[in-house]
Amino acid sequence: MVVDIILTVLLVLAIVILLIIVALYVVPFTFTLIAERAACTNLVVALAYWGIFGAKVYLLSDGPRAVDIRLARYTITRKRLEETPEEKEEKERKKREKPERELGVKDYLNAFTELWPHLREMLKAFLRSFTIAKISGNVVLGLPDPTATGTLYGYVTAFRYAIWPVSTVDFSMIPVFNRVVFEGRMLVEVRIERPLTIMIPAVVALTKKPVRDQLRLLAGR
């Protein structure tokens, strides 16, 4: 009876792991960056999704900064990125108790020599999987010199029509000749197909002790 239960549990775990591996190969990773500027307010929003799991980061120039953990587009939990005074004090206390060793040029060179072969493989896999899904923007621009504004608008318009067949890029500019202004919105969305192909070189690298030692050194541990 006990043996049957253990075998059933192992079988279920094996199926779950297999499904996760298949999902990592099939389901793409999507990253979207949105930047907005209006008057004196700057807003940057970054969204990262893998299937129904995602995270959303808010960076507001004059407001709160937070990260949302999301499930199927719904926010599950939110964490503010600003440190509280108590957290800052605790961090300073730990630094005083255990000062971090300053790294020299030789340390960085040794780390680069050890990590570069693995980083190169990860970079190759990343470039094979990386695609630009969409780039769009709308800018309201007025320079101190109206002539310069008109000239720049002409360049932007010419560029827009030059790349017109490219459906992934959509950029426009609204010129303003009677005042200085810079407002607008920019969106960049990229996709990483087959994330598993990038994770495999990373996992292989982490199985090697010299790589782990160099990472601990760079992390100050």
C-alpha atoms as a PDB file:
ATOM      1  CA  MET A   1       0.000   0.000   0.000  1.00  0.00           C
ATOM      2  CA  VAL A   2       2.744   2.437   0.983  1.00  0.00           C
ATOM      3  CA  VAL A   3       4.757   1.480  -2.102  1.00  0.00           C
ATOM      4  CA  ASP A   4       1.753   2.157  -4.334  1.00  0.00           C
ATOM      5  CA  ILE A   5       1.269   5.606  -2.779  1.00  0.00           C
ATOM      6  CA  ILE A   6       4.946   6.482  -3.246  1.00  0.00           C
ATOM      7  CA  LEU A   7       4.893   5.305  -6.854  1.00  0.00           C
ATOM      8  CA  THR A   8       1.733   7.330  -7.516  1.00  0.00           C
ATOM      9  CA  VAL A   9       3.282  10.455  -5.994  1.00  0.00           C
ATOM     10  CA  LEU A  10       6.478   9.983  -8.026  1.00  0.00           C
ATOM     11  CA  LEU A  11       4.447   9.464 -11.187  1.00  0.00           C
ATOM     12  CA  VAL A  12       2.448  12.644 -10.568  1.00  0.00           C
ATOM     13  CA  LEU A  13       5.646  14.603  -9.886  1.00  0.00           C
ATOM     14  CA  ALA A  14       7.221  13.246 -13.067  1.00  0.00           C
ATOM     15  CA  ILE A  15       4.173  14.280 -15.098  1.00  0.00           C
ATOM     16  CA  VAL A  16       4.149  17.763 -13.540  1.00  0.00           C
ATOM     17  CA  ILE A  17       7.872  18.240 -14.232  1.00  0.00           C
ATOM     18  CA  LEU A  18       7.416  17.036 -17.806  1.00  0.00           C
ATOM     19  CA  LEU A  19       4.540  19.463 -18.347  1.00  0.00           C
ATOM     20  CA  ILE A  20       6.612  22.331 -16.966  1.00  0.00           C
ATOM     21  CA  ILE A  21       9.510  21.464 -19.288  1.00  0.00           C
ATOM     22  CA  VAL A  22       7.183  21.308 -22.293  1.00  0.00           C
ATOM     23  CA  ALA A  23       5.571  24.613 -21.289  1.00  0.00           C
ATOM     24  CA  LEU A  24       8.983  26.268 -20.972  1.00  0.00           C
ATOM     25  CA  TYR A  25       9.735  25.198 -24.515  1.00  0.00           C
ATOM     26  CA  VAL A  26       6.352  26.064 -26.037  1.00  0.00           C
ATOM     27  CA  VAL A  27       5.054  29.096 -24.116  1.00  0.00           C
ATOM     28  CA  PRO A  28       6.968  32.316 -24.957  1.00  0.00           C
ATOM     29  CA  PHE A  29       8.113  34.931 -22.482  1.00  0.00           C
ATOM     30  CA  THR A  30       6.755  38.421 -23.215  1.00  0.00           C
ATOM     31  CA  PHE A  31       8.282  41.648 -21.948  1.00  0.00           C
ATOM     32  CA  THR A  32       6.621  45.032 -22.471  1.00  0.00           C
ATOM     33  CA  LEU A  33       8.095  48.406 -21.573  1.00  0.00           C
ATOM     34  CA  ILE A  34       5.873  51.504 -21.558  1.00  0.00           C
ATOM     35  CA  ALA A  35       7.281  54.983 -20.968  1.00  0.00           C
ATOM     36  CA  GLU A  36       5.073  58.059 -20.707  1.00  0.00           C
ATOM     37  CA  ARG A  37       5.834  61.719 -20.183  1.00  0.00           C
ATOM     38  CA  ALA A  38       3.168  64.329 -19.534  1.00  0.00           C
ATOM     39  CA  ALA A  39       3.968  67.791 -18.212  1.00  0.00           C
ATOM     40  CA  CYS A  40       6.498  67.158 -15.417  1.00  0.00           C
ATOM     41  CA  THR A  41       5.494  63.574 -14.685  1.00  0.00           C
ATOM     42  CA  ASN A  42       7.424  60.572 -15.922  1.00  0.00           C
ATOM     43  CA  LEU A  43       5.988  57.069 -15.768  1.00  0.00           C
ATOM     44  CA  VAL A  44       7.664  53.799 -16.654  1.00  0.00           C
ATOM     45  CA  VAL A  45       5.740  50.533 -16.575  1.00  0.00           C
ATOM     46  CA  ALA A  46       7.372  47.177 -17.229  1.00  0.00           C
ATOM     47  CA  LEU A  47       5.307  44.030 -17.723  1.00  0.00           C
ATOM     48  CA  ALA A  48       6.690  40.512 -17.893  1.00  0.00           C
ATOM     49  CA  TYR A  49       4.464  37.532 -18.690  1.00  0.00           C
ATOM     50  CA  TRP A  50       4.937  33.824 -19.107  1.00  0.00           C
ATOM     51  CA  GLY A  51       1.596  32.285 -19.879  1.00  0.00           C
ATOM     52  CA  ILE A  52      -0.829  33.360 -17.161  1.00  0.00           C
ATOM     53  CA  PHE A  53       1.941  34.285 -14.723  1.00  0.00           C
ATOM     54  CA  GLY A  54       3.259  37.803 -14.750  1.00  0.00           C
ATOM     55  CA  ALA A  55       4.726  40.785 -12.951  1.00  0.00           C
ATOM     56  CA  LYS A  56       4.127  44.495 -13.387  1.00  0.00           C
ATOM     57  CA  VAL A  57       6.546  47.173 -12.185  1.00  0.00           C
ATOM     58  CA  TYR A  58       5.544  50.828 -11.734  1.00  0.00           C
ATOM     59  CA  LEU A  59       8.162  53.578 -11.636  1.00  0.00           C
ATOM     60  CA  LEU A  60       6.555  56.997 -11.171  1.00  0.00           C
ATOM     61  CA  SER A  61       8.823  60.039 -10.931  1.00  0.00           C
ATOM     62  CA  ASP A  62       6.774  61.764  -8.230  1.00  0.00           C
ATOM     63  CA  GLY A  63       4.779  58.863  -6.828  1.00  0.00           C
ATOM     64  CA  PRO A  64       4.978  55.332  -5.452  1.00  0.00           C
ATOM     65  CA  ARG A  65       7.112  52.601  -6.960  1.00  0.00           C
ATOM     66  CA  ALA A  66       5.751  49.098  -6.719  1.00  0.00           C
ATOM     67  CA  VAL A  67       5.747  45.644  -8.277  1.00  0.00           C
ATOM     68  CA  ASP A  68       2.600  43.577  -8.787  1.00  0.00           C
ATOM     69  CA  ILE A  69       2.548  39.803  -8.991  1.00  0.00           C
ATOM     70  CA  ARG A  70      -0.225  38.861 -11.406  1.00  0.00           C
ATOM     71  CA  LEU A  71      -2.158  35.781 -12.386  1.00  0.00           C
ATOM     72  CA  ALA A  72      -4.230  35.860 -15.589  1.00  0.00           C
ATOM     73  CA  ARG A  73      -4.085  39.693 -15.678  1.00  0.00           C
ATOM     74  CA  TYR A  74      -5.323  39.965 -12.080  1.00  0.00           C
ATOM     75  CA  THR A  75      -3.109  41.378  -9.335  1.00  0.00           C
ATOM     76  CA  ILE A  76      -2.456  38.817  -6.603  1.00  0.00           C
ATOM     77  CA  THR A  77      -0.138  40.866  -4.406  1.00  0.00           C
ATOM     78  CA  ARG A  78       1.701  44.191  -4.509  1.00  0.00           C
ATOM     79  CA  LYS A  79       5.009  45.160  -2.944  1.00  0.00           C
ATOM     80  CA  ARG A  80       6.359  48.688  -2.688  1.00  0.00           C
ATOM     81  CA  LEU A  81       9.913  49.085  -3.924  1.00  0.00           C
ATOM     82  CA  GLU A  82      10.832  51.887  -1.538  1.00  0.00           C
ATOM     83  CA  GLU A  83      12.673  50.805   1.564  1.00  0.00           C
ATOM     84  CA  THR A  84      11.225  51.765   4.918  1.00  0.00           C
ATOM     85  CA  PRO A  85      13.473  53.593   7.429  1.00  0.00           C
ATOM     86  CA  GLU A  86      13.621  50.382   9.481  1.00  0.00           C
ATOM     87  CA  GLU A  87      14.796  48.368   6.463  1.00  0.00           C
ATOM     88  CA  LYS A  88      17.465  50.972   5.633  1.00  0.00           C
ATOM     89  CA  GLU A  89      18.698  50.940   9.215  1.00  0.00           C
ATOM     90  CA  GLU A  90      18.841  47.134   9.242  1.00  0.00           C
ATOM     91  CA  LYS A  91      20.829  47.123   5.982  1.00  0.00           C
ATOM     92  CA  GLU A  92      23.315  49.649   7.349  1.00  0.00           C
ATOM     93  CA  ARG A  93      23.668  47.611  10.540  1.00  0.00           C
ATOM     94  CA  LYS A  94      24.494  44.462   8.556  1.00  0.00           C
ATOM     95  CA  LYS A  95      27.084  46.381   6.526  1.00  0.00           C
ATOM     96  CA  ARG A  96      28.753  47.569   9.714  1.00  0.00           C
ATOM     97  CA  GLU A  97      28.759  44.091  11.229  1.00  0.00           C
ATOM     98  CA  LYS A  98      30.063  42.405   8.078  1.00  0.00           C
ATOM     99  CA  PRO A  99      31.853  44.846   5.765  1.00  0.00           C
ATOM    100  CA  GLU A 100      31.909  43.773   2.127  1.00  0.00           C
ATOM    101  CA  ARG A 101      35.286  43.108   0.586  1.00  0.00           C
ATOM    102  CA  GLU A 102      36.114  45.538  -2.175  1.00  0.00           C
ATOM    103  CA  LEU A 103      36.718  43.809  -5.478  1.00  0.00           C
ATOM    104  CA  GLY A 104      39.727  44.696  -7.571  1.00  0.00           C
ATOM    105  CA  VAL A 105      40.403  44.576 -11.292  1.00  0.00           C
ATOM    106  CA  LYS A 106      41.918  41.106 -10.977  1.00  0.00           C
ATOM    107  CA  ASP A 107      38.719  39.797  -9.347  1.00  0.00           C
ATOM    108  CA  TYR A 108      36.568  41.102 -12.196  1.00  0.00           C
ATOM    109  CA  LEU A 109      38.964  39.698 -14.816  1.00  0.00           C
ATOM    110  CA  ASN A 110      38.927  36.265 -13.166  1.00  0.00           C
ATOM    111  CA  ALA A 111      35.138  36.349 -12.987  1.00  0.00           C
ATOM    112  CA  PHE A 112      34.868  37.388 -16.637  1.00  0.00           C
ATOM    113  CA  THR A 113      37.271  34.642 -17.733  1.00  0.00           C
ATOM    114  CA  GLU A 114      35.307  32.004 -15.840  1.00  0.00           C
ATOM    115  CA  LEU A 115      31.811  33.201 -16.736  1.00  0.00           C
ATOM    116  CA  TRP A 116      32.235  34.352 -20.338  1.00  0.00           C
ATOM    117  CA  PRO A 117      32.056  30.893 -22.057  1.00  0.00           C
ATOM    118  CA  HIS A 118      28.734  30.245 -20.332  1.00  0.00           C
ATOM    119  CA  LEU A 119      27.441  33.765 -20.928  1.00  0.00           C
ATOM    120  CA  ARG A 120      28.324  33.394 -24.604  1.00  0.00           C
ATOM    121  CA  GLU A 121      26.211  30.247 -24.921  1.00  0.00           C
ATOM    122  CA  MET A 122      23.322  31.947 -23.133  1.00  0.00           C
ATOM    123  CA  LEU A 123      23.672  34.984 -25.393  1.00  0.00           C
ATOM    124  CA  LYS A 124      23.582  32.804 -28.518  1.00  0.00           C
ATOM    125  CA  ALA A 125      20.430  31.069 -27.298  1.00  0.00           C
ATOM    126  CA  PHE A 126      18.892  34.420 -26.402  1.00  0.00           C
ATOM    127  CA  LEU A 127      19.545  35.919 -29.834  1.00  0.00           C
ATOM    128  CA  ARG A 128      18.026  32.861 -31.522  1.00  0.00           C
ATOM    129  CA  SER A 129      14.860  33.204 -29.427  1.00  0.00           C
ATOM    130  CA  PHE A 130      14.552  37.001 -29.268  1.00  0.00           C
ATOM    131  CA  THR A 131      12.042  38.794 -31.503  1.00  0.00           C
ATOM    132  CA  ILE A 132      10.646  42.331 -31.485  1.00  0.00           C
ATOM    133  CA  ALA A 133       6.863  42.044 -31.434  1.00  0.00           C
ATOM    134  CA  LYS A 134       5.982  45.739 -31.482  1.00  0.00           C
ATOM    135  CA  ILE A 135       7.452  49.230 -31.258  1.00  0.00           C
ATOM    136  CA  SER A 136       5.057  52.157 -31.153  1.00  0.00           C
ATOM    137  CA  GLY A 137       5.310  55.748 -30.062  1.00  0.00           C
ATOM    138  CA  ASN A 138       3.598  59.093 -30.231  1.00  0.00           C
ATOM    139  CA  VAL A 139       5.580  62.208 -29.333  1.00  0.00           C
ATOM    140  CA  VAL A 140       4.494  65.820 -28.977  1.00  0.00           C
ATOM    141  CA  LEU A 141       7.638  67.897 -29.502  1.00  0.00           C
ATOM    142  CA  GLY A 142       8.395  71.579 -29.620  1.00  0.00           C
ATOM    143  CA  LEU A 143      11.952  72.904 -29.718  1.00  0.00           C
ATOM    144  CA  PRO A 144      13.124  76.459 -28.949  1.00  0.00           C
ATOM    145  CA  ASP A 145      13.757  76.925 -32.676  1.00  0.00           C
ATOM    146  CA  PRO A 146      10.612  76.320 -34.795  1.00  0.00           C
ATOM    147  CA  THR A 147      12.809  75.644 -37.804  1.00  0.00           C
ATOM    148  CA  ALA A 148      14.557  72.818 -35.990  1.00  0.00           C
ATOM    149  CA  THR A 149      11.156  71.442 -34.976  1.00  0.00           C
ATOM    150  CA  GLY A 150      10.000  71.416 -38.590  1.00  0.00           C
ATOM    151  CA  THR A 151      13.228  69.832 -39.787  1.00  0.00           C
ATOM    152  CA  LEU A 152      13.029  67.069 -37.202  1.00  0.00           C
ATOM    153  CA  TYR A 153       9.373  66.475 -38.039  1.00  0.00           C
ATOM    154  CA  GLY A 154      10.341  66.046 -41.674  1.00  0.00           C
ATOM    155  CA  TYR A 155      12.968  63.444 -40.781  1.00  0.00           C
ATOM    156  CA  VAL A 156      10.523  61.529 -38.571  1.00  0.00           C
ATOM    157  CA  THR A 157       7.854  61.568 -41.278  1.00  0.00           C
ATOM    158  CA  ALA A 158      10.318  60.380 -43.914  1.00  0.00           C
ATOM    159  CA  PHE A 159      11.498  57.596 -41.614  1.00  0.00           C
ATOM    160  CA  ARG A 160       7.920  56.590 -40.894  1.00  0.00           C
ATOM    161  CA  TYR A 161       7.063  56.192 -44.576  1.00  0.00           C
ATOM    162  CA  ALA A 162      10.392  54.516 -45.314  1.00  0.00           C
ATOM    163  CA  ILE A 163       9.572  51.683 -42.917  1.00  0.00           C
ATOM    164  CA  TRP A 164       5.850  51.652 -43.726  1.00  0.00           C
ATOM    165  CA  PRO A 165       5.762  47.944 -44.788  1.00  0.00           C
ATOM    166  CA  VAL A 166       7.150  46.978 -41.353  1.00  0.00           C
ATOM    167  CA  SER A 167       4.036  46.344 -39.296  1.00  0.00           C
ATOM    168  CA  THR A 168       5.883  45.990 -35.984  1.00  0.00           C
ATOM    169  CA  VAL A 169       6.981  49.650 -35.949  1.00  0.00           C
ATOM    170  CA  ASP A 170       4.522  52.534 -35.619  1.00  0.00           C
ATOM    171  CA  PHE A 171       5.933  55.924 -34.658  1.00  0.00           C
ATOM    172  CA  SER A 172       4.481  59.394 -35.079  1.00  0.00           C
ATOM    173  CA  MET A 173       5.312  62.930 -34.042  1.00  0.00           C
ATOM    174  CA  ILE A 174       3.116  65.970 -33.507  1.00  0.00           C
ATOM    175  CA  PRO A 175       5.136  69.174 -33.980  1.00  0.00           C
ATOM    176  CA  VAL A 176       4.482  72.252 -31.828  1.00  0.00           C
ATOM    177  CA  PHE A 177       5.955  75.495 -33.118  1.00  0.00           C
ATOM    178  CA  ASN A 178       4.820  78.073 -30.546  1.00  0.00           C
ATOM    179  CA  ARG A 179       6.210  76.590 -27.319  1.00  0.00           C
ATOM    180  CA  VAL A 180       8.808  74.227 -25.943  1.00  0.00           C
ATOM    181  CA  VAL A 181       7.275  70.872 -25.065  1.00  0.00           C
ATOM    182  CA  PHE A 182       8.243  67.237 -24.879  1.00  0.00           C
ATOM    183  CA  GLU A 183       5.482  64.760 -24.115  1.00  0.00           C
ATOM    184  CA  GLY A 184       4.482  61.378 -25.424  1.00  0.00           C
ATOM    185  CA  ARG A 185       4.241  57.658 -25.004  1.00  0.00           C
ATOM    186  CA  MET A 186       6.547  54.862 -26.110  1.00  0.00           C
ATOM    187  CA  LEU A 187       5.867  51.126 -26.101  1.00  0.00           C
ATOM    188  CA  VAL A 188       8.307  48.314 -26.803  1.00  0.00           C
ATOM    189  CA  GLU A 189       7.235  44.683 -26.706  1.00  0.00           C
ATOM    190  CA  VAL A 190       9.622  41.787 -27.175  1.00  0.00           C
ATOM    191  CA  ARG A 191       9.103  38.038 -27.116  1.00  0.00           C
ATOM    192  CA  ILE A 192      11.459  35.252 -26.165  1.00  0.00           C
ATOM    193  CA  GLU A 193      10.448  32.047 -27.862  1.00  0.00           C
ATOM    194  CA  ARG A 194      11.434  28.726 -26.293  1.00  0.00           C
ATOM    195  CA  PRO A 195      12.733  30.073 -22.931  1.00  0.00           C
ATOM    196  CA  LEU A 196      13.955  26.571 -22.098  1.00  0.00           C
ATOM    197  CA  THR A 197      16.762  26.878 -24.637  1.00  0.00           C
ATOM    198  CA  ILE A 198      18.155  29.812 -22.634  1.00  0.00           C
ATOM    199  CA  MET A 199      17.676  28.152 -19.267  1.00  0.00           C
ATOM    200  CA  ILE A 200      19.591  25.000 -20.206  1.00  0.00           C
ATOM    201  CA  PRO A 201      23.011  26.754 -20.593  1.00  0.00           C
ATOM    202  CA  ALA A 202      22.319  28.675 -17.359  1.00  0.00           C
ATOM    203  CA  VAL A 203      21.562  25.488 -15.429  1.00  0.00           C
ATOM    204  CA  VAL A 204      24.631  23.775 -16.893  1.00  0.00           C
ATOM    205  CA  ALA A 205      26.764  26.735 -15.798  1.00  0.00           C
ATOM    206  CA  LEU A 206      25.364  26.687 -12.251  1.00  0.00           C
ATOM    207  CA  THR A 207      26.295  23.028 -11.860  1.00  0.00           C
ATOM    208  CA  LYS A 208      29.978  24.006 -12.033  1.00  0.00           C
ATOM    209  CA  LYS A 209      31.552  25.023  -8.729  1.00  0.00           C
ATOM    210  CA  PRO A 210      33.950  27.676 -10.156  1.00  0.00           C
ATOM    211  CA  VAL A 211      30.959  29.476 -11.665  1.00  0.00           C
ATOM    212  CA  ARG A 212      29.083  29.420  -8.358  1.00  0.00           C
ATOM    213  CA  ASP A 213      32.172  30.679  -6.521  1.00  0.00           C
ATOM    214  CA  GLN A 214      32.569  33.618  -8.907  1.00  0.00           C
ATOM    215  CA  LEU A 215      28.890  34.517  -8.629  1.00  0.00           C
ATOM    216  CA  ARG A 216      29.105  34.473  -4.823  1.00  0.00           C
ATOM    217  CA  LEU A 217      32.172  36.689  -5.010  1.00  0.00           C
ATOM    218  CA  LEU A 218      30.448  39.225  -7.247  1.00  0.00           C
ATOM    219  CA  ALA A 219      27.378  39.156  -5.006  1.00  0.00           C
ATOM    220  CA  GLY A 220      29.537  39.944  -1.988  1.00  0.00           C
ATOM    221  CA  ARG A 221      28.744  36.731  -0.110  1.00  0.00           C
END
